[in-house]
Amino acid sequence: MKEKALGKLIEITLISLFLYLLLFVFPNMDTFNINSFLNWDALKNFGN
């Protein structure tokens, strides 16, 4: 039972990650910069 729940959690996490990439990363791939992606100020301002 526990293993099944863990598998479901991993599945949901992977789907969420894929959707995040699809919506936010791939459309900006031409201007994609790993430094700006890891910029904490940009992440903090994301909510505003």
C-alpha atoms as a PDB file:
ATOM      1  CA  MET A   1       0.000   0.000   0.000  1.00  0.00           C
ATOM      2  CA  LYS A   2       2.792   2.418   0.929  1.00  0.00           C
ATOM      3  CA  GLU A   3       4.790   1.641  -2.223  1.00  0.00           C
ATOM      4  CA  LYS A   4       1.712   2.338  -4.357  1.00  0.00           C
ATOM      5  CA  ALA A   5       1.203   5.739  -2.717  1.00  0.00           C
ATOM      6  CA  LEU A   6       4.861   6.627  -3.206  1.00  0.00           C
ATOM      7  CA  GLY A   7       4.668   5.659  -6.873  1.00  0.00           C
ATOM      8  CA  LYS A   8       1.622   7.901  -7.296  1.00  0.00           C
ATOM      9  CA  LEU A   9       3.428  10.800  -5.618  1.00  0.00           C
ATOM     10  CA  ILE A  10       6.437  10.393  -7.928  1.00  0.00           C
ATOM     11  CA  GLU A  11       4.105  10.228 -10.937  1.00  0.00           C
ATOM     12  CA  ILE A  12       2.337  13.456  -9.915  1.00  0.00           C
ATOM     13  CA  THR A  13       5.687  15.176  -9.308  1.00  0.00           C
ATOM     14  CA  LEU A  14       6.998  14.184 -12.750  1.00  0.00           C
ATOM     15  CA  ILE A  15       3.806  15.360 -14.460  1.00  0.00           C
ATOM     16  CA  SER A  16       3.976  18.681 -12.594  1.00  0.00           C
ATOM     17  CA  LEU A  17       7.616  19.125 -13.570  1.00  0.00           C
ATOM     18  CA  PHE A  18       6.840  18.321 -17.216  1.00  0.00           C
ATOM     19  CA  LEU A  19       3.975  20.838 -17.254  1.00  0.00           C
ATOM     20  CA  TYR A  20       6.216  23.471 -15.664  1.00  0.00           C
ATOM     21  CA  LEU A  21       8.863  22.912 -18.331  1.00  0.00           C
ATOM     22  CA  LEU A  22       6.261  22.945 -21.088  1.00  0.00           C
ATOM     23  CA  LEU A  23       4.647  26.180 -19.926  1.00  0.00           C
ATOM     24  CA  PHE A  24       7.579  28.236 -18.649  1.00  0.00           C
ATOM     25  CA  VAL A  25      10.910  26.906 -19.908  1.00  0.00           C
ATOM     26  CA  PHE A  26      10.325  25.771 -23.495  1.00  0.00           C
ATOM     27  CA  PRO A  27       8.532  28.959 -24.686  1.00  0.00           C
ATOM     28  CA  ASN A  28      11.519  31.003 -23.451  1.00  0.00           C
ATOM     29  CA  MET A  29      14.179  28.600 -24.704  1.00  0.00           C
ATOM     30  CA  ASP A  30      15.654  31.115 -27.162  1.00  0.00           C
ATOM     31  CA  THR A  31      16.331  33.541 -24.308  1.00  0.00           C
ATOM     32  CA  PHE A  32      16.848  30.792 -21.753  1.00  0.00           C
ATOM     33  CA  ASN A  33      19.797  31.433 -19.482  1.00  0.00           C
ATOM     34  CA  ILE A  34      20.708  29.028 -16.666  1.00  0.00           C
ATOM     35  CA  ASN A  35      22.020  31.921 -14.576  1.00  0.00           C
ATOM     36  CA  SER A  36      18.734  33.826 -14.690  1.00  0.00           C
ATOM     37  CA  PHE A  37      16.912  30.550 -13.998  1.00  0.00           C
ATOM     38  CA  LEU A  38      18.943  30.155 -10.813  1.00  0.00           C
ATOM     39  CA  ASN A  39      18.630  33.829  -9.884  1.00  0.00           C
ATOM     40  CA  TRP A  40      16.845  33.993  -6.518  1.00  0.00           C
ATOM     41  CA  ASP A  41      15.743  37.605  -7.049  1.00  0.00           C
ATOM     42  CA  ALA A  42      13.918  36.563 -10.218  1.00  0.00           C
ATOM     43  CA  LEU A  43      12.277  33.684  -8.340  1.00  0.00           C
ATOM     44  CA  LYS A  44      11.224  35.996  -5.490  1.00  0.00           C
ATOM     45  CA  ASN A  45       9.710  38.461  -7.964  1.00  0.00           C
ATOM     46  CA  PHE A  46       7.867  35.634  -9.753  1.00  0.00           C
ATOM     47  CA  GLY A  47       4.899  35.953  -7.391  1.00  0.00           C
ATOM     48  CA  ASN A  48       4.445  39.683  -8.026  1.00  0.00           C
END
